[in-house]
Amino acid sequence: MKKNEFTRMRALAVACVLGASVSAEAFGQSSVTLYGVVDDAFTYVSNQRGQSNIYLSQGNLQASKFGFLGAEDLGRGTKAIFRLESGFNSLTGAQSSTGLIFNRQAYVGVSNDAYGTLTLGRQYTPYFTMVGGLGPTNVLTGATGAHPGDLDALDTTLRFNNSVTYASPNLAGLQVGAQYALGGVPGSVASGSNFSAALRYDYKAFALAAGYVKLKDMATSPALGTFAINSPVNSSYASARSTQLIATAARYTFDDLMVGVNYSNVQYAPGAGSHFASEAVFNTYGVISTYRFTPAVIVGAGYSYTRASKSNGMSDPARYHQVSLEETYSLSKRTTLYALQAYQRAQGQSLAVSGAGTSIVDAVAVVGDSQNTTPSSGPSQFVGMVGIRHAF
């Protein structure tokens, strides 16, 4: 390249940089952040359909995922924002949801310091983001700490497609959120739609949250992105006309010690095509606690009791007792070694799908949200994990 040509190329490059700088200064700063988690563990389960098992599992302390988070400053406290987030199996590289690359979250919106945030797309519910943050899955992880089968969706299993979400700014510690997911059914706005609302209040070391979800036409609704209903606890109610979730959680932190309580109520209402005949209700009561021994070492523990209502011909409805433990050691800000243990005991009767109807069977144990498709063949199940999580 001749010297004068090189000089012109250099001048053009400088002009582009200066132009970008002027544009950024005139229209505000923008940023895009790439983030993610890889999480794998050795796992032992005492009973998976009648046999003990040792295997590698992934996404235990946190789900394996990667994502893009972007924001552009529009001025006067307003930003344009977006998020694209994909879950994957870190043992095989496969997507966690076939055919959906950004299967966890995919939304765009605007945020203002004074007026709050409005977003549109595939999103978590306010019920999960506000109540779930104070519940057992945020403290003890959903793999072994979620309530049986994650029937109350306090783990990361509930997302809405085609949703509009509003979250208020923090007003003296209080924040509220609401979300409506459009069903997209021609001629009927309400058909297949879903709704969620929640609030959270933080005051010094105390935090309290309550949330509500109403799901319609679960089997066919295009607005329902994800909802775990594939465990022996609740799979017989997948044909429900509607499902209602109510949950509340509170916690208080004393220096290095945190204690919390949580409660959830889940109701499945039958419809014309449902496999079950009468409304089924599950109530769950839980306690959680963590203690920080050092900045790097934290231990946690929790207990939950879940009871089903007496319905659909069951004289002795199911009850589930679950104890969960967690120990973590942070090697750095990004890398953590962990150990998880959980034990569940099931009693009473539950429903199982039988042809076009249901049958009454003995309840079986299914620890947390990690054993939904591999439940125990009997009333008890123990799960132990030792793994490593790296965030970037």
Protein backbone atom coordinates (compact mmCIF):
# COMPACT_ATOMS: atom_id res chain seq x y z
CA MET A 1 0.00 0.00 0.00
CA LYS A 2 1.36 3.43 -0.97
CA LYS A 3 2.09 5.92 1.77
CA ASN A 4 -0.64 8.41 0.73
CA GLU A 5 -3.23 5.59 0.57
CA PHE A 6 -2.22 4.44 4.04
CA THR A 7 -2.57 8.01 5.30
CA ARG A 8 -6.09 8.30 3.84
CA MET A 9 -7.11 4.97 5.43
CA ARG A 10 -5.80 6.07 8.79
CA ALA A 11 -7.62 9.39 8.53
CA LEU A 12 -10.86 7.57 7.67
CA ALA A 13 -10.49 5.28 10.70
CA VAL A 14 -9.89 8.26 12.99
CA ALA A 15 -12.93 10.02 11.54
CA CYS A 16 -15.12 6.95 12.21
CA VAL A 17 -13.96 6.75 15.82
CA LEU A 18 -14.55 10.48 16.33
CA GLY A 19 -17.95 10.21 14.69
CA ALA A 20 -18.95 7.31 16.95
CA SER A 21 -17.78 9.27 19.97
CA VAL A 22 -19.78 12.34 18.97
CA SER A 23 -22.85 10.18 18.30
CA ALA A 24 -22.55 8.46 21.68
CA GLU A 25 -22.19 11.83 23.40
CA ALA A 26 -25.14 13.31 21.54
CA PHE A 27 -27.55 10.38 21.88
CA GLY A 28 -26.36 8.78 25.13
CA GLN A 29 -24.29 5.75 26.00
CA SER A 30 -25.25 2.20 25.03
CA SER A 31 -23.96 -1.12 26.30
CA VAL A 32 -24.38 -4.83 25.68
CA THR A 33 -23.29 -7.35 28.31
CA LEU A 34 -22.64 -11.03 27.63
CA TYR A 35 -23.18 -13.22 30.70
CA GLY A 36 -23.61 -16.88 31.52
CA VAL A 37 -23.25 -19.85 33.87
CA VAL A 38 -21.85 -23.36 33.48
CA ASP A 39 -22.80 -25.76 36.30
CA ASP A 40 -22.02 -29.51 36.58
CA ALA A 41 -22.06 -32.01 39.45
CA PHE A 42 -21.66 -35.65 40.47
CA THR A 43 -25.06 -36.82 41.72
CA TYR A 44 -26.27 -39.75 43.83
CA VAL A 45 -29.97 -40.62 44.12
CA SER A 46 -31.16 -43.38 46.44
CA ASN A 47 -34.20 -44.33 44.38
CA GLN A 48 -35.02 -43.50 40.76
CA ARG A 49 -37.95 -45.69 39.72
CA GLY A 50 -36.70 -48.45 42.00
CA GLN A 51 -32.93 -48.21 41.52
CA SER A 52 -30.16 -46.11 43.05
CA ASN A 53 -28.11 -44.08 40.58
CA ILE A 54 -24.82 -42.20 40.28
CA TYR A 55 -24.51 -39.84 37.32
CA LEU A 56 -23.42 -36.41 36.10
CA SER A 57 -26.05 -33.69 36.25
CA GLN A 58 -26.01 -30.05 35.24
CA GLY A 59 -27.68 -26.77 36.17
CA ASN A 60 -27.99 -27.62 39.87
CA LEU A 61 -26.82 -24.62 41.88
CA GLN A 62 -27.75 -22.40 38.93
CA ALA A 63 -29.11 -23.21 35.49
CA SER A 64 -26.49 -23.40 32.74
CA LYS A 65 -27.21 -20.51 30.39
CA PHE A 66 -25.86 -17.58 28.41
CA GLY A 67 -27.44 -14.28 27.55
CA PHE A 68 -27.17 -10.74 26.23
CA LEU A 69 -28.35 -7.76 28.26
CA GLY A 70 -28.46 -4.40 26.51
CA ALA A 71 -29.32 -0.80 27.38
CA GLU A 72 -29.22 2.51 25.53
CA ASP A 73 -29.45 5.79 27.41
CA LEU A 74 -32.20 7.90 25.83
CA GLY A 75 -31.74 10.80 28.22
CA ARG A 76 -33.67 12.17 31.21
CA GLY A 77 -33.48 8.89 33.11
CA THR A 78 -34.96 6.79 30.29
CA LYS A 79 -33.30 3.75 28.72
CA ALA A 80 -34.19 1.34 25.95
CA ILE A 81 -33.45 -2.19 27.18
CA PHE A 82 -33.44 -5.77 25.92
CA ARG A 83 -32.52 -9.25 27.11
CA LEU A 84 -31.94 -12.48 25.18
CA GLU A 85 -31.23 -15.53 27.35
CA SER A 86 -30.75 -19.16 26.38
CA GLY A 87 -30.59 -22.24 28.59
CA PHE A 88 -28.49 -25.22 27.56
CA ASN A 89 -27.31 -28.59 28.79
CA SER A 90 -23.65 -28.10 29.73
CA LEU A 91 -23.00 -31.87 29.53
CA THR A 92 -24.17 -32.25 25.92
CA GLY A 93 -24.46 -28.72 24.52
CA ALA A 94 -28.13 -29.24 23.65
CA GLN A 95 -30.68 -26.48 24.08
CA SER A 96 -32.86 -26.82 27.16
CA SER A 97 -35.96 -26.25 24.99
CA THR A 98 -35.86 -27.72 21.49
CA GLY A 99 -36.47 -25.19 18.72
CA LEU A 100 -36.11 -22.11 20.93
CA ILE A 101 -32.62 -20.63 21.02
CA PHE A 102 -33.58 -17.90 23.50
CA ASN A 103 -35.79 -20.22 25.50
CA ARG A 104 -35.50 -18.54 28.89
CA GLN A 105 -36.09 -14.85 28.18
CA ALA A 106 -36.46 -12.68 25.08
CA TYR A 107 -37.86 -9.19 25.58
CA VAL A 108 -37.45 -5.51 24.73
CA GLY A 109 -38.72 -2.43 26.53
CA VAL A 110 -38.12 0.94 28.13
CA SER A 111 -37.07 1.85 31.65
CA ASN A 112 -37.38 5.16 33.48
CA ASP A 113 -35.99 6.00 36.91
CA ALA A 114 -39.17 7.79 37.95
CA TYR A 115 -41.91 5.82 36.18
CA GLY A 116 -40.70 2.20 36.14
CA THR A 117 -40.10 -0.41 33.45
CA LEU A 118 -42.32 -1.67 30.62
CA THR A 119 -41.23 -4.76 28.65
CA LEU A 120 -42.72 -7.00 25.95
CA GLY A 121 -41.81 -10.58 24.98
CA ARG A 122 -41.07 -13.90 26.66
CA GLN A 123 -40.55 -13.17 30.36
CA TYR A 124 -40.59 -14.45 33.91
CA THR A 125 -43.63 -13.50 35.97
CA PRO A 126 -43.61 -10.87 38.75
CA TYR A 127 -44.76 -13.76 40.97
CA PHE A 128 -41.42 -15.49 40.35
CA THR A 129 -39.10 -12.47 40.28
CA MET A 130 -40.44 -10.99 43.53
CA VAL A 131 -41.59 -13.96 45.63
CA GLY A 132 -39.11 -16.47 44.21
CA GLY A 133 -36.23 -14.21 45.20
CA LEU A 134 -37.18 -14.65 48.86
CA GLY A 135 -38.25 -18.29 48.65
CA PRO A 136 -36.45 -21.62 48.97
CA THR A 137 -35.13 -21.91 45.42
CA ASN A 138 -33.06 -18.72 45.66
CA VAL A 139 -31.52 -19.91 48.93
CA LEU A 140 -31.32 -23.69 48.50
CA THR A 141 -31.47 -23.93 44.66
CA GLY A 142 -34.41 -25.41 42.78
CA ALA A 143 -32.71 -28.75 42.11
CA THR A 144 -33.04 -29.92 45.71
CA GLY A 145 -34.72 -27.00 47.48
CA ALA A 146 -37.86 -26.44 45.39
CA HIS A 147 -41.10 -27.66 46.87
CA PRO A 148 -42.06 -31.17 45.64
CA GLY A 149 -42.15 -31.21 41.84
CA ASP A 150 -41.92 -27.39 41.92
CA LEU A 151 -45.72 -27.44 41.92
CA ASP A 152 -45.88 -23.76 43.01
CA ALA A 153 -43.44 -22.61 40.28
CA LEU A 154 -41.09 -20.76 42.64
CA ASP A 155 -38.20 -22.21 40.64
CA THR A 156 -37.34 -20.94 37.13
CA THR A 157 -40.07 -22.94 35.39
CA LEU A 158 -42.78 -20.33 34.79
CA ARG A 159 -42.45 -17.96 31.83
CA PHE A 160 -45.06 -16.20 29.70
CA ASN A 161 -44.92 -15.79 25.93
CA ASN A 162 -46.53 -12.75 24.26
CA SER A 163 -46.46 -10.89 27.55
CA VAL A 164 -46.56 -7.24 28.61
CA THR A 165 -44.93 -6.54 31.98
CA TYR A 166 -44.81 -3.40 34.12
CA ALA A 167 -42.57 -3.04 37.17
CA SER A 168 -42.78 0.11 39.28
CA PRO A 169 -39.73 1.99 40.54
CA ASN A 170 -38.67 1.36 44.13
CA LEU A 171 -40.81 3.65 46.28
CA ALA A 172 -39.44 3.77 49.82
CA GLY A 173 -38.71 0.03 49.66
CA LEU A 174 -41.97 -0.96 47.95
CA GLN A 175 -42.11 -2.29 44.40
CA VAL A 176 -45.10 -3.72 42.50
CA GLY A 177 -45.34 -5.56 39.19
CA ALA A 178 -48.05 -6.82 36.86
CA GLN A 179 -47.99 -8.96 33.72
CA TYR A 180 -50.56 -9.95 31.13
CA ALA A 181 -49.86 -12.55 28.44
CA LEU A 182 -52.05 -12.43 25.35
CA GLY A 183 -53.47 -15.74 24.16
CA GLY A 184 -53.69 -14.61 20.55
CA VAL A 185 -56.94 -16.48 19.91
CA PRO A 186 -58.93 -14.83 17.05
CA GLY A 187 -62.21 -13.38 18.26
CA SER A 188 -61.49 -13.93 21.95
CA VAL A 189 -58.95 -11.77 23.73
CA ALA A 190 -59.23 -13.66 27.03
CA SER A 191 -58.86 -17.21 25.63
CA GLY A 192 -55.47 -18.68 26.44
CA SER A 193 -54.33 -15.56 28.28
CA ASN A 194 -52.47 -15.53 31.59
CA PHE A 195 -52.01 -12.96 34.37
CA SER A 196 -49.57 -12.36 37.21
CA ALA A 197 -49.12 -9.66 39.84
CA ALA A 198 -46.82 -9.30 42.83
CA LEU A 199 -45.38 -6.84 45.33
CA ARG A 200 -42.22 -6.72 47.42
CA TYR A 201 -41.28 -4.57 50.39
CA ASP A 202 -37.74 -4.18 51.75
CA TYR A 203 -36.92 -2.34 54.95
CA LYS A 204 -33.37 -2.57 56.24
CA ALA A 205 -32.81 -6.26 57.11
CA PHE A 206 -36.44 -7.28 56.51
CA ALA A 207 -38.04 -8.30 53.19
CA LEU A 208 -41.58 -9.43 52.36
CA ALA A 209 -43.21 -10.43 49.06
CA ALA A 210 -46.55 -11.78 47.85
CA GLY A 211 -47.60 -12.89 44.37
CA TYR A 212 -50.46 -14.23 42.29
CA VAL A 213 -50.72 -16.13 38.98
CA LYS A 214 -53.76 -17.18 36.96
CA LEU A 215 -53.15 -19.66 34.13
CA LYS A 216 -55.87 -20.45 31.58
CA ASP A 217 -56.13 -23.37 29.18
CA MET A 218 -52.78 -24.83 30.22
CA ALA A 219 -52.72 -27.58 27.62
CA THR A 220 -53.21 -25.26 24.62
CA SER A 221 -52.41 -21.68 25.64
CA PRO A 222 -49.76 -20.09 23.36
CA ALA A 223 -49.18 -17.47 26.06
CA LEU A 224 -47.90 -20.03 28.56
CA GLY A 225 -44.17 -20.26 27.86
CA THR A 226 -43.16 -22.87 30.44
CA PHE A 227 -44.76 -24.51 33.47
CA ALA A 228 -43.45 -27.66 35.17
CA ILE A 229 -46.31 -30.10 35.56
CA ASN A 230 -44.54 -33.37 34.76
CA SER A 231 -43.96 -34.88 38.22
CA PRO A 232 -46.13 -37.45 40.05
CA VAL A 233 -47.17 -34.62 42.38
CA ASN A 234 -49.19 -32.70 39.79
CA SER A 235 -48.97 -34.33 36.35
CA SER A 236 -52.57 -35.57 36.63
CA TYR A 237 -53.74 -31.95 36.64
CA ALA A 238 -52.07 -30.94 33.36
CA SER A 239 -55.53 -30.95 31.74
CA ALA A 240 -56.83 -28.29 34.14
CA ARG A 241 -59.02 -25.56 32.68
CA SER A 242 -57.25 -23.07 34.94
CA THR A 243 -54.57 -23.00 37.61
CA GLN A 244 -54.18 -20.44 40.36
CA LEU A 245 -50.94 -19.87 42.28
CA ILE A 246 -50.65 -17.72 45.40
CA ALA A 247 -47.41 -17.43 47.35
CA THR A 248 -45.82 -15.27 49.99
CA ALA A 249 -42.35 -15.22 51.53
CA ALA A 250 -40.48 -13.19 54.15
CA ARG A 251 -36.97 -13.14 55.52
CA TYR A 252 -34.91 -11.30 58.11
CA THR A 253 -31.12 -11.05 58.24
CA PHE A 254 -29.18 -10.82 61.51
CA ASP A 255 -25.63 -9.99 60.42
CA ASP A 256 -24.42 -13.38 59.09
CA LEU A 257 -27.64 -15.29 59.87
CA MET A 258 -30.75 -15.22 57.67
CA VAL A 259 -34.10 -16.81 58.56
CA GLY A 260 -37.17 -16.94 56.37
CA VAL A 261 -40.66 -18.40 56.01
CA ASN A 262 -42.77 -19.10 52.92
CA TYR A 263 -46.24 -20.32 52.01
CA SER A 264 -47.93 -21.28 48.74
CA ASN A 265 -51.41 -22.30 47.65
CA VAL A 266 -51.99 -24.02 44.29
CA GLN A 267 -55.46 -24.72 42.89
CA TYR A 268 -56.29 -26.80 39.80
CA ALA A 269 -59.81 -26.33 38.40
CA PRO A 270 -61.19 -28.95 35.97
CA GLY A 271 -62.85 -28.22 32.65
CA ALA A 272 -64.92 -30.17 30.15
CA GLY A 273 -61.91 -32.09 28.84
CA SER A 274 -60.03 -32.57 32.11
CA HIS A 275 -58.95 -36.00 33.34
CA PHE A 276 -59.95 -35.17 36.92
CA ALA A 277 -63.41 -34.31 38.25
CA SER A 278 -63.13 -31.87 41.14
CA GLU A 279 -60.89 -28.99 42.18
CA ALA A 280 -57.55 -30.00 43.72
CA VAL A 281 -55.66 -27.79 46.18
CA PHE A 282 -52.08 -28.02 47.49
CA ASN A 283 -50.84 -26.01 50.47
CA THR A 284 -47.11 -25.78 51.25
CA TYR A 285 -45.46 -24.33 54.36
CA GLY A 286 -41.70 -23.78 54.50
CA VAL A 287 -38.83 -22.39 56.56
CA ILE A 288 -35.31 -21.55 55.34
CA SER A 289 -32.08 -20.30 56.86
CA THR A 290 -28.47 -19.55 55.88
CA TYR A 291 -25.34 -18.74 57.87
CA ARG A 292 -22.18 -17.12 56.51
CA PHE A 293 -19.18 -18.54 58.38
CA THR A 294 -16.67 -16.57 56.29
CA PRO A 295 -17.03 -14.40 53.17
CA ALA A 296 -16.34 -17.59 51.17
CA VAL A 297 -18.28 -20.23 53.15
CA ILE A 298 -22.08 -20.28 53.41
CA VAL A 299 -24.38 -23.06 54.60
CA GLY A 300 -28.15 -23.24 54.18
CA ALA A 301 -31.02 -25.41 55.35
CA GLY A 302 -34.74 -25.65 54.74
CA TYR A 303 -37.83 -27.69 55.53
CA SER A 304 -41.17 -27.81 53.71
CA TYR A 305 -44.48 -29.55 54.29
CA THR A 306 -46.93 -29.98 51.40
CA ARG A 307 -50.48 -31.27 51.78
CA ALA A 308 -53.07 -32.01 49.09
CA SER A 309 -56.79 -31.51 49.59
CA LYS A 310 -59.23 -34.38 49.97
CA SER A 311 -60.72 -34.53 46.47
CA ASN A 312 -61.27 -36.76 43.42
CA GLY A 313 -62.09 -39.79 45.54
CA MET A 314 -58.95 -39.71 47.74
CA SER A 315 -59.66 -40.42 51.40
CA ASP A 316 -56.01 -40.02 52.45
CA PRO A 317 -54.58 -37.14 50.36
CA ALA A 318 -50.83 -36.89 49.75
CA ARG A 319 -48.41 -35.23 52.17
CA TYR A 320 -44.75 -34.50 51.49
CA HIS A 321 -42.03 -33.71 54.05
CA GLN A 322 -38.75 -32.43 52.60
CA VAL A 323 -35.44 -31.41 54.24
CA SER A 324 -32.79 -29.66 52.11
CA LEU A 325 -29.18 -28.64 52.86
CA GLU A 326 -26.65 -26.62 50.89
CA GLU A 327 -22.95 -25.80 51.42
CA THR A 328 -20.99 -23.47 49.14
CA TYR A 329 -17.35 -22.38 49.01
CA SER A 330 -16.45 -19.47 46.73
CA LEU A 331 -13.05 -19.94 45.11
CA SER A 332 -13.49 -16.50 43.51
CA LYS A 333 -16.26 -14.08 42.58
CA ARG A 334 -17.11 -16.28 39.61
CA THR A 335 -16.30 -19.86 40.67
CA THR A 336 -18.04 -21.80 43.45
CA LEU A 337 -17.73 -25.34 44.79
CA TYR A 338 -20.96 -26.71 46.26
CA ALA A 339 -22.61 -29.68 47.92
CA LEU A 340 -26.36 -30.31 48.07
CA GLN A 341 -28.37 -32.86 50.04
CA ALA A 342 -32.12 -33.41 50.27
CA TYR A 343 -34.46 -36.05 51.64
CA GLN A 344 -38.20 -36.33 51.03
CA ARG A 345 -40.85 -38.55 52.59
CA ALA A 346 -44.25 -39.00 50.92
CA GLN A 347 -47.44 -40.27 52.56
CA GLY A 348 -51.01 -40.84 51.49
CA GLN A 349 -52.59 -41.01 48.04
CA SER A 350 -52.23 -39.11 44.77
CA LEU A 351 -53.71 -39.26 41.28
CA ALA A 352 -52.11 -40.90 38.26
CA VAL A 353 -53.27 -40.51 34.67
CA SER A 354 -54.92 -43.70 33.46
CA GLY A 355 -56.16 -43.60 29.86
CA ALA A 356 -58.65 -40.76 29.54
CA GLY A 357 -59.08 -40.55 33.31
CA THR A 358 -57.16 -40.99 36.55
CA SER A 359 -56.60 -43.62 39.17
CA ILE A 360 -55.74 -43.38 42.85
CA VAL A 361 -52.20 -44.56 43.72
CA ASP A 362 -49.80 -44.31 46.63
CA ALA A 363 -47.88 -41.04 46.68
CA VAL A 364 -44.18 -41.32 45.81
CA ALA A 365 -41.28 -39.05 46.72
CA VAL A 366 -39.85 -36.61 44.16
CA VAL A 367 -37.13 -34.32 45.54
CA GLY A 368 -37.19 -30.67 44.49
CA ASP A 369 -37.23 -29.85 40.79
CA SER A 370 -34.45 -32.22 39.70
CA GLN A 371 -36.26 -35.57 39.95
CA ASN A 372 -39.56 -34.80 38.19
CA THR A 373 -39.01 -37.38 35.45
CA THR A 374 -37.14 -39.82 37.71
CA PRO A 375 -39.20 -40.02 40.91
CA SER A 376 -38.81 -42.65 43.59
CA SER A 377 -40.79 -45.87 43.26
CA GLY A 378 -41.67 -45.60 46.95
CA PRO A 379 -42.32 -43.11 49.73
CA SER A 380 -38.73 -41.85 50.20
CA GLN A 381 -35.91 -40.38 48.14
CA PHE A 382 -32.46 -38.96 48.95
CA VAL A 383 -30.41 -36.81 46.58
CA GLY A 384 -26.78 -35.76 47.09
CA MET A 385 -24.68 -33.60 44.75
CA VAL A 386 -21.09 -32.30 44.67
CA GLY A 387 -20.32 -29.85 41.88
CA ILE A 388 -18.79 -26.67 40.56
CA ARG A 389 -20.40 -23.56 39.09
CA HIS A 390 -18.61 -20.94 37.01
CA ALA A 391 -20.21 -17.65 36.02
CA PHE A 392 -18.94 -15.27 33.36
